[in-house]
Amino acid sequence: MGASLRALRAFLLLAGFYLLGVVMLALLGLVDVLSWLWAPASVYLKLWIVSAVLAVPIVRGMFLLRTGRDDEPAGVLVAETDEPRLWAAVRELAEQVGTRAPDEIRLTADVNAAVSEDARLLGLLGGRRRLYLGLPLMAGLDEAQLRAVLAHELGHYSNADTRLAGMTERGRVQVVRTIAHFEEKAGGKEAKERAKQEAKQKKRLAKGKQDKEIDTGGAGITYRTMAKIYTAYARFYMRATFAGSRRQELAADLASARIAGRDATASALREIPALDAAFGFYMNAYATMGAEHGLLPPRGEVFGGVRHLLAARPDELDGLRREPPAEPASAYDSHPPTAERVARIEALPDDGRAAERAAPAFALLADVDRALAAVEDATLTPEASRMRRLQWSELVHTSMTAHFARDAEPLRQATADVTGSGTLDALLDAIDAGTVRRIVERLPRSEQAESATGRAAREFARPVLRRGLSRLVVLAFLADGRARWELSWAESAGLHLPSGVADALDAALDAAVADESDTSGLRSLLATPAAETVGAEPAASDAPAAAEARA
């Protein structure tokens, strides 16, 4: 479908929203006239009031709820003098695609690339163009794959997709806001009616009468009816516009394959979901592992550190690339499933441009570290920007230690409440004295554990006590430097304990929480000289990943 026909369709769909509003206002007016002619005065006055109240959300949706513009586009604006190689590549690709190059390039913190255009006159006239390019995306692509991604985005310009996006998005926003306003009014009516019936219920019960079931089904029914009418149009509008969006994505994929090559385009399509999954894992398990304790990695590494993860886990990434996500198709998806897009591109005839490993995409940037730091400064909240920065090795050790201290706090506090001291020695003494049950009773328990008695109660308490006790023991080793958390990009953080402790710790913990408790094993391990820490081995039994420790 050509740009002119797509523009006409977008205009008609948007006009349909306004036409629906006019029709609804006309029907309300017709009801008012008929009631004035045929109904008693008391009836038509009520109908006029109802019509006026219902007309307000319609008018608001048609004329008052304009779509706003962001005060400042996202990302860091980079001039051609700042990034000459990147700008040169974009201009070259724009010429090959047959479109005007963007007026701005903005670097972002997303695993994504996108384009926008400030079109005018409902998309009839083009406007200022912006290209958004995510640095985490560039971190995992080579130049050939990045060219494919950029050609895809520039293809949206040549197909006039960005010029018509504003009109389409305006219609989506208008209809959704109108529905939300009707539903808000219906909810208010229902809440008011519920409060009214509950007040009557209290009076009825106070008089000793039988209570009645509260029924608010009729409250706000006129608002809900109007919402249903607009919801039906919204479904039609969304299905029609998103179907067009999916066709635009497929057309942009073909433009990418034509310019950058079939294999490079398919490779990029496979790479992006893998990078997205890796970046999400990285942000959760590495970059923000210390955020709740006010800690972040060095400046530029909050988003840039994903490079270390990508380099350390090639096999996992290969597995994600081989099986691109085959999301279930929906009429309301803006993009076709990735697996479908890959299959369409790989089914194209061989163009003789076999995918070869090119230079990293970051080679197009003049100063990668500077760009990462600038994007980080522009993206982080003021609170995050003020957090303490630590080198990666120190961040892992400090954060994991803090996670363990948090996990151990309920047991430490319960020990302090019972014994007057929250130390590990006090807990071990309570175990030896047989009074640990009083401590365990103060720990958070599930409903099932609360109702258990006898042997069942002890079995519920045993793993809780063991976990907390293990945390306190490890914290004791960490406090005097006999243990340390070690960073690993290829696997979970490793807890390194003094030589011989890791093998014996599990057995000592089991003995301490047994029915016939024995803390001598733990006391012996705690007495291990600090000098034996050198050359220590990891404790596999009690070294969860950062994400697990935070759960």
Protein backbone atom coordinates (compact mmCIF):
# COMPACT_ATOMS: atom_id res chain seq x y z
CA MET A 1 0.00 0.00 0.00
CA GLY A 2 1.43 3.38 -1.03
CA ALA A 3 2.06 6.25 1.32
CA SER A 4 -0.95 8.21 0.01
CA LEU A 5 -3.36 5.33 0.63
CA ARG A 6 -1.87 4.70 4.07
CA ALA A 7 -2.25 8.38 4.89
CA LEU A 8 -5.88 8.28 3.77
CA ARG A 9 -6.54 5.18 5.88
CA ALA A 10 -4.90 6.75 8.94
CA PHE A 11 -6.98 9.90 8.42
CA LEU A 12 -10.22 7.94 8.07
CA LEU A 13 -9.50 5.89 11.19
CA LEU A 14 -8.82 9.06 13.18
CA ALA A 15 -11.89 10.73 11.67
CA GLY A 16 -13.92 7.70 12.70
CA PHE A 17 -13.20 8.47 16.35
CA TYR A 18 -14.53 12.00 15.96
CA LEU A 19 -17.48 10.77 13.91
CA LEU A 20 -18.35 8.33 16.69
CA GLY A 21 -18.33 11.23 19.14
CA VAL A 22 -20.61 13.30 16.93
CA VAL A 23 -23.02 10.37 16.55
CA MET A 24 -23.11 9.78 20.31
CA LEU A 25 -23.77 13.48 20.99
CA ALA A 26 -26.50 13.48 18.35
CA LEU A 27 -28.18 10.45 19.94
CA LEU A 28 -28.06 12.07 23.35
CA GLY A 29 -29.58 15.21 21.85
CA LEU A 30 -32.32 13.16 20.15
CA VAL A 31 -33.20 11.49 23.45
CA ASP A 32 -33.43 14.93 25.07
CA VAL A 33 -35.76 16.24 22.35
CA LEU A 34 -38.03 13.19 22.46
CA SER A 35 -38.24 13.32 26.24
CA TRP A 36 -39.11 17.02 26.08
CA LEU A 37 -41.91 16.27 23.61
CA TRP A 38 -43.37 13.17 25.22
CA ALA A 39 -42.18 12.71 28.81
CA PRO A 40 -43.30 14.46 31.98
CA ALA A 41 -41.18 17.40 33.12
CA SER A 42 -39.63 15.45 36.00
CA VAL A 43 -38.48 12.73 33.60
CA TYR A 44 -37.02 14.88 30.84
CA LEU A 45 -35.16 17.05 33.34
CA LYS A 46 -33.45 13.95 34.69
CA LEU A 47 -32.66 12.75 31.16
CA TRP A 48 -31.20 16.14 30.26
CA ILE A 49 -28.91 15.99 33.28
CA VAL A 50 -27.79 12.46 32.40
CA SER A 51 -27.14 13.50 28.78
CA ALA A 52 -25.10 16.50 29.87
CA VAL A 53 -23.01 14.37 32.22
CA LEU A 54 -22.38 11.73 29.52
CA ALA A 55 -21.51 14.37 26.95
CA VAL A 56 -18.61 15.72 29.02
CA PRO A 57 -16.23 12.72 28.50
CA ILE A 58 -17.12 12.64 24.79
CA VAL A 59 -16.29 16.30 24.30
CA ARG A 60 -13.13 15.97 26.40
CA GLY A 61 -11.97 13.05 24.28
CA MET A 62 -12.65 14.90 21.03
CA PHE A 63 -11.25 18.32 21.77
CA LEU A 64 -9.55 18.67 25.14
CA LEU A 65 -7.28 15.63 25.56
CA ARG A 66 -4.58 16.55 23.08
CA THR A 67 -1.54 14.32 22.77
CA GLY A 68 1.39 16.01 24.43
CA ARG A 69 4.98 16.25 23.34
CA ASP A 70 7.95 15.36 25.45
CA ASP A 71 9.76 18.40 26.76
CA GLU A 72 13.07 16.92 25.66
CA PRO A 73 13.68 13.89 23.43
CA ALA A 74 15.36 10.98 25.16
CA GLY A 75 19.04 10.20 24.84
CA VAL A 76 22.27 12.14 24.42
CA LEU A 77 22.48 14.32 21.32
CA VAL A 78 25.74 13.77 19.43
CA ALA A 79 26.96 16.23 16.84
CA GLU A 80 28.74 15.22 13.66
CA THR A 81 31.94 16.67 15.07
CA ASP A 82 31.60 14.39 18.10
CA GLU A 83 30.98 11.14 16.20
CA PRO A 84 32.10 11.63 12.58
CA ARG A 85 32.31 7.91 11.73
CA LEU A 86 28.82 7.17 13.03
CA TRP A 87 27.33 10.12 11.18
CA ALA A 88 29.14 9.15 7.97
CA ALA A 89 27.75 5.60 8.17
CA VAL A 90 24.21 6.89 8.76
CA ARG A 91 24.41 9.37 5.87
CA GLU A 92 25.78 6.70 3.54
CA LEU A 93 22.98 4.30 4.44
CA ALA A 94 20.33 7.01 4.07
CA GLU A 95 21.58 7.71 0.56
CA GLN A 96 21.44 4.01 -0.30
CA VAL A 97 17.93 3.68 1.13
CA GLY A 98 16.88 6.77 -0.84
CA THR A 99 15.79 9.02 2.00
CA ARG A 100 16.84 12.15 3.84
CA ALA A 101 19.26 11.49 6.70
CA PRO A 102 18.10 12.22 10.26
CA ASP A 103 18.72 15.70 11.64
CA GLU A 104 19.71 14.30 15.04
CA ILE A 105 21.35 11.17 16.38
CA ARG A 106 20.71 10.44 20.03
CA LEU A 107 22.47 7.72 22.01
CA THR A 108 20.29 5.88 24.55
CA ALA A 109 20.56 3.19 27.21
CA ASP A 110 18.26 0.70 25.44
CA VAL A 111 18.79 -2.50 23.49
CA ASN A 112 16.99 -0.85 20.64
CA ALA A 113 17.16 1.52 17.71
CA ALA A 114 14.29 3.73 16.59
CA VAL A 115 13.42 6.73 14.45
CA SER A 116 10.93 9.56 14.82
CA GLU A 117 9.83 12.57 12.82
CA ASP A 118 8.06 15.77 13.87
CA ALA A 119 5.64 15.64 10.94
CA ARG A 120 3.15 18.44 10.30
CA LEU A 121 -0.34 18.72 8.83
CA LEU A 122 -1.33 15.19 9.84
CA GLY A 123 1.81 13.77 8.24
CA LEU A 124 1.48 15.52 4.90
CA LEU A 125 4.66 17.51 5.54
CA GLY A 126 7.82 16.02 6.95
CA GLY A 127 9.66 17.51 9.91
CA ARG A 128 12.75 17.16 12.04
CA ARG A 129 14.04 13.60 12.06
CA ARG A 130 15.72 11.81 14.96
CA LEU A 131 17.57 8.52 15.13
CA TYR A 132 17.79 6.84 18.54
CA LEU A 133 20.60 4.33 18.94
CA GLY A 134 21.07 2.25 22.08
CA LEU A 135 24.63 1.75 23.30
CA PRO A 136 23.77 -1.65 24.90
CA LEU A 137 22.60 -2.69 21.43
CA MET A 138 25.84 -1.55 19.83
CA ALA A 139 27.80 -3.42 22.52
CA GLY A 140 26.69 -6.76 21.09
CA LEU A 141 26.67 -6.04 17.35
CA ASP A 142 29.38 -5.87 14.74
CA GLU A 143 29.42 -3.16 12.08
CA ALA A 144 27.64 -5.29 9.48
CA GLN A 145 24.80 -6.08 11.89
CA LEU A 146 24.57 -2.45 12.96
CA ARG A 147 24.34 -1.35 9.32
CA ALA A 148 21.43 -3.77 8.92
CA VAL A 149 19.69 -2.30 11.95
CA LEU A 150 20.26 1.28 10.75
CA ALA A 151 19.07 0.43 7.23
CA HIS A 152 15.89 -1.01 8.75
CA GLU A 153 15.23 2.16 10.73
CA LEU A 154 15.99 4.44 7.77
CA GLY A 155 13.63 2.30 5.73
CA HIS A 156 10.81 3.60 7.92
CA TYR A 157 11.67 7.11 6.69
CA SER A 158 11.65 6.15 3.02
CA ASN A 159 8.29 4.41 3.48
CA ALA A 160 6.80 7.51 5.19
CA ASP A 161 6.08 5.42 8.31
CA THR A 162 7.31 8.08 10.71
CA ARG A 163 5.29 10.85 9.06
CA LEU A 164 2.05 8.94 9.57
CA ALA A 165 2.92 7.63 13.04
CA GLY A 166 1.85 10.86 14.73
CA MET A 167 -1.67 10.69 13.31
CA THR A 168 -2.01 7.02 14.17
CA GLU A 169 -0.70 7.49 17.70
CA ARG A 170 -3.01 10.43 18.27
CA GLY A 171 -6.04 8.28 17.50
CA ARG A 172 -4.82 5.55 19.86
CA VAL A 173 -4.30 8.01 22.68
CA GLN A 174 -7.64 9.78 22.16
CA VAL A 175 -9.77 6.66 22.21
CA VAL A 176 -7.94 5.09 25.16
CA ARG A 177 -8.22 8.28 27.22
CA THR A 178 -11.93 8.58 26.46
CA ILE A 179 -12.53 5.00 27.61
CA ALA A 180 -10.47 5.61 30.74
CA HIS A 181 -12.53 8.69 31.57
CA PHE A 182 -15.80 6.79 31.26
CA GLU A 183 -14.44 3.93 33.39
CA GLU A 184 -13.20 6.39 35.99
CA LYS A 185 -16.66 7.94 36.22
CA ALA A 186 -18.27 4.48 36.45
CA GLY A 187 -15.87 3.48 39.21
CA GLY A 188 -16.69 6.63 41.16
CA LYS A 189 -20.41 5.96 40.91
CA GLU A 190 -19.91 2.36 42.02
CA ALA A 191 -17.75 3.39 44.98
CA LYS A 192 -20.30 6.01 46.04
CA GLU A 193 -23.13 3.47 45.84
CA ARG A 194 -21.12 0.89 47.79
CA ALA A 195 -20.39 3.39 50.56
CA LYS A 196 -24.06 4.30 50.70
CA GLN A 197 -25.18 0.66 50.99
CA GLU A 198 -22.50 -0.11 53.58
CA ALA A 199 -23.72 2.76 55.73
CA LYS A 200 -27.26 1.40 55.52
CA GLN A 201 -25.93 -2.06 56.34
CA LYS A 202 -24.33 -0.79 59.57
CA LYS A 203 -27.60 0.81 60.65
CA ARG A 204 -29.50 -2.39 59.85
CA LEU A 205 -27.10 -4.53 61.86
CA ALA A 206 -27.20 -2.06 64.76
CA LYS A 207 -30.94 -2.59 64.94
CA GLY A 208 -30.47 -6.36 64.98
CA LYS A 209 -31.81 -6.88 61.49
CA GLN A 210 -30.43 -9.41 59.02
CA ASP A 211 -27.73 -8.10 56.70
CA LYS A 212 -28.36 -7.81 52.97
CA GLU A 213 -25.92 -8.47 50.16
CA ILE A 214 -24.38 -5.31 48.76
CA ASP A 215 -25.23 -4.94 45.08
CA THR A 216 -23.63 -2.17 43.00
CA GLY A 217 -24.31 -3.72 39.62
CA GLY A 218 -26.56 -0.87 38.50
CA ALA A 219 -24.26 1.93 39.61
CA GLY A 220 -22.52 3.73 36.75
CA ILE A 221 -24.21 1.56 34.14
CA THR A 222 -24.60 4.44 31.68
CA TYR A 223 -20.88 5.23 31.89
CA ARG A 224 -19.97 1.56 31.43
CA THR A 225 -22.27 1.34 28.40
CA MET A 226 -20.54 4.29 26.80
CA ALA A 227 -17.15 2.76 27.63
CA LYS A 228 -18.16 -0.48 25.90
CA ILE A 229 -19.13 1.40 22.74
CA TYR A 230 -15.78 3.17 22.61
CA THR A 231 -13.95 -0.05 23.52
CA ALA A 232 -15.47 -1.74 20.48
CA TYR A 233 -14.15 1.04 18.26
CA ALA A 234 -10.79 0.92 20.04
CA ARG A 235 -10.44 -2.78 19.21
CA PHE A 236 -11.18 -2.09 15.58
CA TYR A 237 -8.78 0.88 15.52
CA MET A 238 -5.94 -1.02 17.22
CA ARG A 239 -6.29 -4.08 15.03
CA ALA A 240 -6.25 -1.97 11.88
CA THR A 241 -3.31 0.25 12.88
CA PHE A 242 -1.18 -2.51 14.36
CA ALA A 243 -1.71 -4.63 11.27
CA GLY A 244 -0.27 -1.71 9.33
CA SER A 245 2.64 -1.46 11.77
CA ARG A 246 3.51 -5.12 11.23
CA ARG A 247 3.52 -4.65 7.47
CA GLN A 248 5.82 -1.65 7.89
CA GLU A 249 8.28 -3.73 9.90
CA LEU A 250 8.40 -6.41 7.22
CA ALA A 251 8.92 -3.77 4.53
CA ALA A 252 11.75 -2.22 6.57
CA ASP A 253 13.32 -5.68 6.94
CA LEU A 254 13.36 -6.02 3.15
CA ALA A 255 15.00 -2.60 2.83
CA SER A 256 17.62 -3.70 5.34
CA ALA A 257 18.33 -6.92 3.42
CA ARG A 258 18.62 -4.99 0.15
CA ILE A 259 21.13 -2.50 1.57
CA ALA A 260 23.07 -4.48 4.20
CA GLY A 261 22.67 -8.00 2.80
CA ARG A 262 20.43 -10.95 3.57
CA ASP A 263 22.78 -12.69 5.99
CA ALA A 264 23.69 -9.56 7.95
CA THR A 265 20.00 -8.67 8.35
CA ALA A 266 19.05 -12.16 9.51
CA SER A 267 22.04 -12.21 11.85
CA ALA A 268 21.00 -8.87 13.39
CA LEU A 269 17.42 -10.08 13.86
CA ARG A 270 18.70 -13.15 15.69
CA GLU A 271 21.13 -11.12 17.77
CA ILE A 272 18.79 -8.48 19.16
CA PRO A 273 16.54 -10.77 21.29
CA ALA A 274 19.64 -12.50 22.67
CA LEU A 275 21.18 -9.15 23.56
CA ASP A 276 17.94 -7.98 25.14
CA ALA A 277 17.80 -11.06 27.38
CA ALA A 278 21.49 -10.76 28.28
CA PHE A 279 21.17 -7.06 29.09
CA GLY A 280 18.14 -7.65 31.32
CA PHE A 281 20.05 -10.32 33.23
CA TYR A 282 23.11 -8.10 33.47
CA MET A 283 21.17 -5.14 34.87
CA ASN A 284 19.51 -7.30 37.51
CA ALA A 285 22.41 -9.53 38.56
CA TYR A 286 25.34 -7.18 38.10
CA ALA A 287 24.73 -3.47 37.47
CA THR A 288 22.09 -2.99 40.18
CA MET A 289 23.15 -5.73 42.58
CA GLY A 290 24.19 -3.11 45.14
CA ALA A 291 21.62 -0.43 44.34
CA GLU A 292 19.46 -1.16 47.37
CA HIS A 293 22.55 -0.54 49.50
CA GLY A 294 23.44 2.68 47.65
CA LEU A 295 26.17 1.13 45.47
CA LEU A 296 26.81 1.24 41.71
CA PRO A 297 29.67 0.19 39.41
CA PRO A 298 32.15 2.81 38.11
CA ARG A 299 30.89 5.65 35.94
CA GLY A 300 30.25 4.40 32.43
CA GLU A 301 29.91 0.79 33.56
CA VAL A 302 26.25 0.80 34.62
CA PHE A 303 25.27 0.14 31.00
CA GLY A 304 28.71 -0.43 29.52
CA GLY A 305 29.57 -3.33 31.80
CA VAL A 306 27.38 -5.62 29.73
CA ARG A 307 30.41 -5.95 27.42
CA HIS A 308 32.14 -8.12 30.05
CA LEU A 309 29.13 -10.43 30.32
CA LEU A 310 28.80 -10.81 26.54
CA ALA A 311 32.48 -11.70 26.23
CA ALA A 312 32.33 -14.26 29.04
CA ARG A 313 29.19 -16.19 27.99
CA PRO A 314 29.43 -16.89 24.24
CA ASP A 315 27.86 -20.35 24.47
CA GLU A 316 24.73 -19.10 26.22
CA LEU A 317 24.34 -16.34 23.64
CA ASP A 318 24.78 -18.82 20.79
CA GLY A 319 21.91 -20.85 22.19
CA LEU A 320 19.66 -17.77 22.24
CA ARG A 321 20.65 -16.84 18.70
CA ARG A 322 19.87 -20.29 17.32
CA GLU A 323 16.31 -20.20 18.66
CA PRO A 324 14.84 -16.70 18.18
CA PRO A 325 11.67 -16.14 20.20
CA ALA A 326 8.54 -17.40 18.44
CA GLU A 327 6.07 -15.21 20.29
CA PRO A 328 2.40 -16.10 19.80
CA ALA A 329 1.03 -13.76 17.13
CA SER A 330 -1.63 -11.31 18.23
CA ALA A 331 -3.73 -8.85 16.29
CA TYR A 332 -2.53 -6.18 18.70
CA ASP A 333 1.24 -6.72 18.20
CA SER A 334 3.14 -3.83 16.61
CA HIS A 335 5.87 -6.19 15.34
CA PRO A 336 5.64 -9.66 13.76
CA PRO A 337 7.21 -12.49 15.80
CA THR A 338 11.00 -12.44 15.53
CA ALA A 339 11.12 -16.04 14.31
CA GLU A 340 8.77 -15.15 11.45
CA ARG A 341 10.89 -12.15 10.47
CA VAL A 342 14.06 -14.23 10.49
CA ALA A 343 12.44 -16.96 8.39
CA ARG A 344 11.24 -14.42 5.80
CA ILE A 345 14.71 -12.90 5.41
CA GLU A 346 16.54 -16.23 5.31
CA ALA A 347 14.11 -17.43 2.63
CA LEU A 348 15.30 -14.66 0.28
CA PRO A 349 17.65 -15.66 -2.57
CA ASP A 350 21.34 -15.69 -1.76
CA ASP A 351 22.73 -12.25 -2.60
CA GLY A 352 26.35 -13.37 -2.48
CA ARG A 353 27.11 -11.29 0.59
CA ALA A 354 27.78 -14.01 3.13
CA ALA A 355 27.92 -12.77 6.73
CA GLU A 356 31.50 -12.29 7.86
CA ARG A 357 32.61 -11.18 11.28
CA ALA A 358 33.23 -7.45 10.99
CA ALA A 359 34.69 -4.94 13.42
CA PRO A 360 32.66 -4.27 16.58
CA ALA A 361 29.93 -1.68 16.17
CA PHE A 362 31.59 0.38 18.90
CA ALA A 363 34.41 1.03 16.41
CA LEU A 364 32.13 3.67 14.86
CA LEU A 365 32.30 5.73 18.06
CA ALA A 366 35.15 8.16 18.65
CA ASP A 367 35.32 7.48 22.39
CA VAL A 368 33.21 4.58 23.68
CA ASP A 369 33.86 5.23 27.36
CA ARG A 370 32.95 8.89 27.02
CA ALA A 371 29.71 8.01 25.22
CA LEU A 372 28.75 5.43 27.85
CA ALA A 373 29.42 7.90 30.66
CA ALA A 374 27.37 10.61 28.94
CA VAL A 375 24.38 8.29 28.39
CA GLU A 376 24.62 7.13 31.99
CA ASP A 377 24.64 10.71 33.27
CA ALA A 378 21.56 11.52 31.19
CA THR A 379 19.65 8.36 32.12
CA LEU A 380 20.18 7.74 35.83
CA THR A 381 17.89 9.39 38.33
CA PRO A 382 19.41 12.04 40.61
CA GLU A 383 19.21 9.57 43.50
CA ALA A 384 21.12 6.91 41.54
CA SER A 385 23.70 9.42 40.36
CA ARG A 386 24.57 10.20 43.98
CA MET A 387 25.22 6.56 44.88
CA ARG A 388 28.67 5.42 45.88
CA ARG A 389 30.75 4.01 43.00
CA LEU A 390 32.95 0.93 43.47
CA GLN A 391 35.16 -1.08 41.17
CA TRP A 392 33.53 -4.32 40.05
CA SER A 393 35.45 -6.66 42.38
CA GLU A 394 34.76 -4.47 45.40
CA LEU A 395 31.14 -3.94 44.34
CA VAL A 396 30.47 -7.68 44.24
CA HIS A 397 32.13 -8.30 47.61
CA THR A 398 30.44 -5.38 49.37
CA SER A 399 27.00 -5.98 47.84
CA MET A 400 26.91 -9.71 48.51
CA THR A 401 28.08 -9.15 52.06
CA ALA A 402 25.27 -6.64 52.53
CA HIS A 403 22.74 -9.13 51.08
CA PHE A 404 23.89 -11.76 53.56
CA ALA A 405 23.67 -9.28 56.44
CA ARG A 406 20.12 -8.42 55.43
CA ASP A 407 19.15 -12.10 55.25
CA ALA A 408 20.65 -12.76 58.67
CA GLU A 409 19.04 -9.76 60.37
CA PRO A 410 15.79 -11.50 61.51
CA LEU A 411 17.78 -14.24 63.27
CA ARG A 412 20.25 -11.75 64.74
CA GLN A 413 17.40 -9.58 66.07
CA ALA A 414 15.52 -12.58 67.48
CA THR A 415 18.72 -13.72 69.22
CA ALA A 416 19.18 -10.24 70.69
CA ASP A 417 15.57 -10.19 71.92
CA VAL A 418 15.96 -13.50 73.74
CA THR A 419 19.56 -13.41 74.96
CA GLY A 420 20.25 -9.69 75.13
CA SER A 421 23.02 -10.04 72.53
CA GLY A 422 22.67 -10.46 68.77
CA THR A 423 26.06 -12.07 68.26
CA LEU A 424 26.85 -15.42 66.70
CA ASP A 425 28.36 -16.61 69.99
CA ALA A 426 25.09 -15.84 71.77
CA LEU A 427 23.17 -17.90 69.21
CA LEU A 428 25.55 -20.85 69.54
CA ASP A 429 25.27 -20.66 73.32
CA ALA A 430 21.46 -20.71 73.03
CA ILE A 431 21.66 -23.81 70.81
CA ASP A 432 23.89 -25.53 73.35
CA ALA A 433 21.61 -24.50 76.22
CA GLY A 434 18.51 -25.81 74.41
CA THR A 435 16.80 -22.41 74.39
CA VAL A 436 17.06 -21.81 70.65
CA ARG A 437 13.35 -22.69 70.31
CA ARG A 438 12.46 -19.33 71.85
CA ILE A 439 14.59 -17.62 69.23
CA VAL A 440 13.07 -19.56 66.34
CA GLU A 441 9.57 -18.71 67.51
CA ARG A 442 10.32 -15.05 66.89
CA LEU A 443 11.32 -15.59 63.25
CA PRO A 444 8.85 -14.95 60.39
CA ARG A 445 6.88 -18.11 59.63
CA SER A 446 4.37 -19.27 57.05
CA GLU A 447 0.76 -20.00 58.02
CA GLN A 448 1.46 -23.72 57.75
CA ALA A 449 4.48 -23.41 60.05
CA GLU A 450 2.44 -21.35 62.51
CA SER A 451 -0.14 -24.12 62.89
CA ALA A 452 2.41 -26.97 63.14
CA THR A 453 3.28 -28.59 66.46
CA GLY A 454 5.75 -31.12 67.78
CA ARG A 455 7.98 -32.83 65.25
CA ALA A 456 6.36 -31.01 62.32
CA ALA A 457 7.11 -27.64 63.91
CA ARG A 458 10.77 -28.58 64.37
CA GLU A 459 11.05 -29.66 60.74
CA PHE A 460 9.59 -26.36 59.57
CA ALA A 461 12.00 -24.42 61.80
CA ARG A 462 15.15 -26.40 60.95
CA PRO A 463 15.86 -25.00 57.41
CA VAL A 464 15.02 -21.47 58.54
CA LEU A 465 17.44 -21.69 61.44
CA ARG A 466 20.09 -23.35 59.27
CA ARG A 467 19.93 -20.67 56.59
CA GLY A 468 20.18 -17.83 59.09
CA LEU A 469 22.96 -19.56 61.01
CA SER A 470 24.96 -20.13 57.82
CA ARG A 471 24.64 -16.44 56.99
CA LEU A 472 25.96 -15.43 60.39
CA VAL A 473 28.90 -17.84 60.12
CA VAL A 474 29.83 -16.54 56.67
CA LEU A 475 29.50 -12.96 57.88
CA ALA A 476 31.94 -13.74 60.67
CA PHE A 477 34.50 -14.92 58.13
CA LEU A 478 33.84 -11.91 55.89
CA ALA A 479 34.18 -9.46 58.78
CA ASP A 480 37.77 -10.45 59.64
CA GLY A 481 38.89 -10.96 56.05
CA ARG A 482 39.01 -14.76 56.10
CA ALA A 483 36.42 -14.98 53.33
CA ARG A 484 35.67 -12.93 50.25
CA TRP A 485 33.14 -12.74 47.45
CA GLU A 486 34.80 -13.06 44.05
CA LEU A 487 33.46 -11.57 40.80
CA SER A 488 32.78 -13.89 37.88
CA TRP A 489 31.28 -12.84 34.56
CA ALA A 490 30.89 -16.44 33.40
CA GLU A 491 28.92 -17.69 36.42
CA SER A 492 27.54 -16.65 39.79
CA ALA A 493 29.68 -14.78 42.28
CA GLY A 494 31.86 -17.19 44.27
CA LEU A 495 32.29 -17.18 48.03
CA HIS A 496 35.87 -18.09 48.93
CA LEU A 497 36.35 -19.45 52.45
CA PRO A 498 39.47 -20.51 54.38
CA SER A 499 41.07 -23.77 53.27
CA GLY A 500 39.17 -26.76 54.59
CA VAL A 501 36.16 -24.74 55.76
CA ALA A 502 34.04 -25.12 52.63
CA ASP A 503 34.01 -28.93 52.80
CA ALA A 504 33.26 -29.05 56.52
CA LEU A 505 30.73 -26.22 56.74
CA ASP A 506 27.68 -28.18 55.55
CA ALA A 507 28.23 -30.99 58.05
CA ALA A 508 28.83 -28.51 60.89
CA LEU A 509 25.62 -26.62 60.11
CA ASP A 510 23.62 -29.86 59.95
CA ALA A 511 25.00 -30.90 63.34
CA ALA A 512 24.16 -27.54 64.90
CA VAL A 513 20.48 -27.69 63.89
CA ALA A 514 19.96 -31.43 64.52
CA ASP A 515 17.60 -32.64 67.24
CA GLU A 516 20.68 -33.53 69.26
CA SER A 517 22.47 -30.29 68.45
CA ASP A 518 26.26 -30.02 68.47
CA THR A 519 27.95 -26.68 67.80
CA SER A 520 31.50 -27.87 68.32
CA GLY A 521 32.06 -28.25 64.59
CA LEU A 522 31.05 -24.67 63.90
CA ARG A 523 33.09 -23.35 66.81
CA SER A 524 36.11 -25.20 65.50
CA LEU A 525 35.70 -23.77 62.01
CA LEU A 526 35.26 -20.26 63.40
CA ALA A 527 38.58 -20.67 65.17
CA THR A 528 40.39 -21.34 61.87
CA PRO A 529 43.42 -19.00 61.74
CA ALA A 530 43.12 -16.07 59.34
CA ALA A 531 46.45 -16.97 57.73
CA GLU A 532 44.85 -20.06 56.20
CA THR A 533 42.58 -17.89 54.05
CA VAL A 534 45.26 -17.60 51.37
CA GLY A 535 44.63 -20.12 48.62
CA ALA A 536 41.07 -20.72 49.81
CA GLU A 537 38.56 -22.62 47.75
CA PRO A 538 35.00 -21.51 46.83
CA ALA A 539 32.11 -22.68 48.99
CA ALA A 540 29.79 -24.18 46.42
CA SER A 541 27.07 -25.02 48.91
CA ASP A 542 26.39 -21.49 50.05
CA ALA A 543 27.35 -19.13 47.26
CA PRO A 544 24.15 -18.18 45.41
CA ALA A 545 24.09 -15.78 42.51
CA ALA A 546 23.61 -12.12 43.25
CA ALA A 547 20.07 -12.20 41.92
CA GLU A 548 19.23 -15.18 44.15
CA ALA A 549 20.72 -13.56 47.23
CA ARG A 550 18.59 -10.48 46.61
CA ALA A 551 15.36 -12.45 46.32
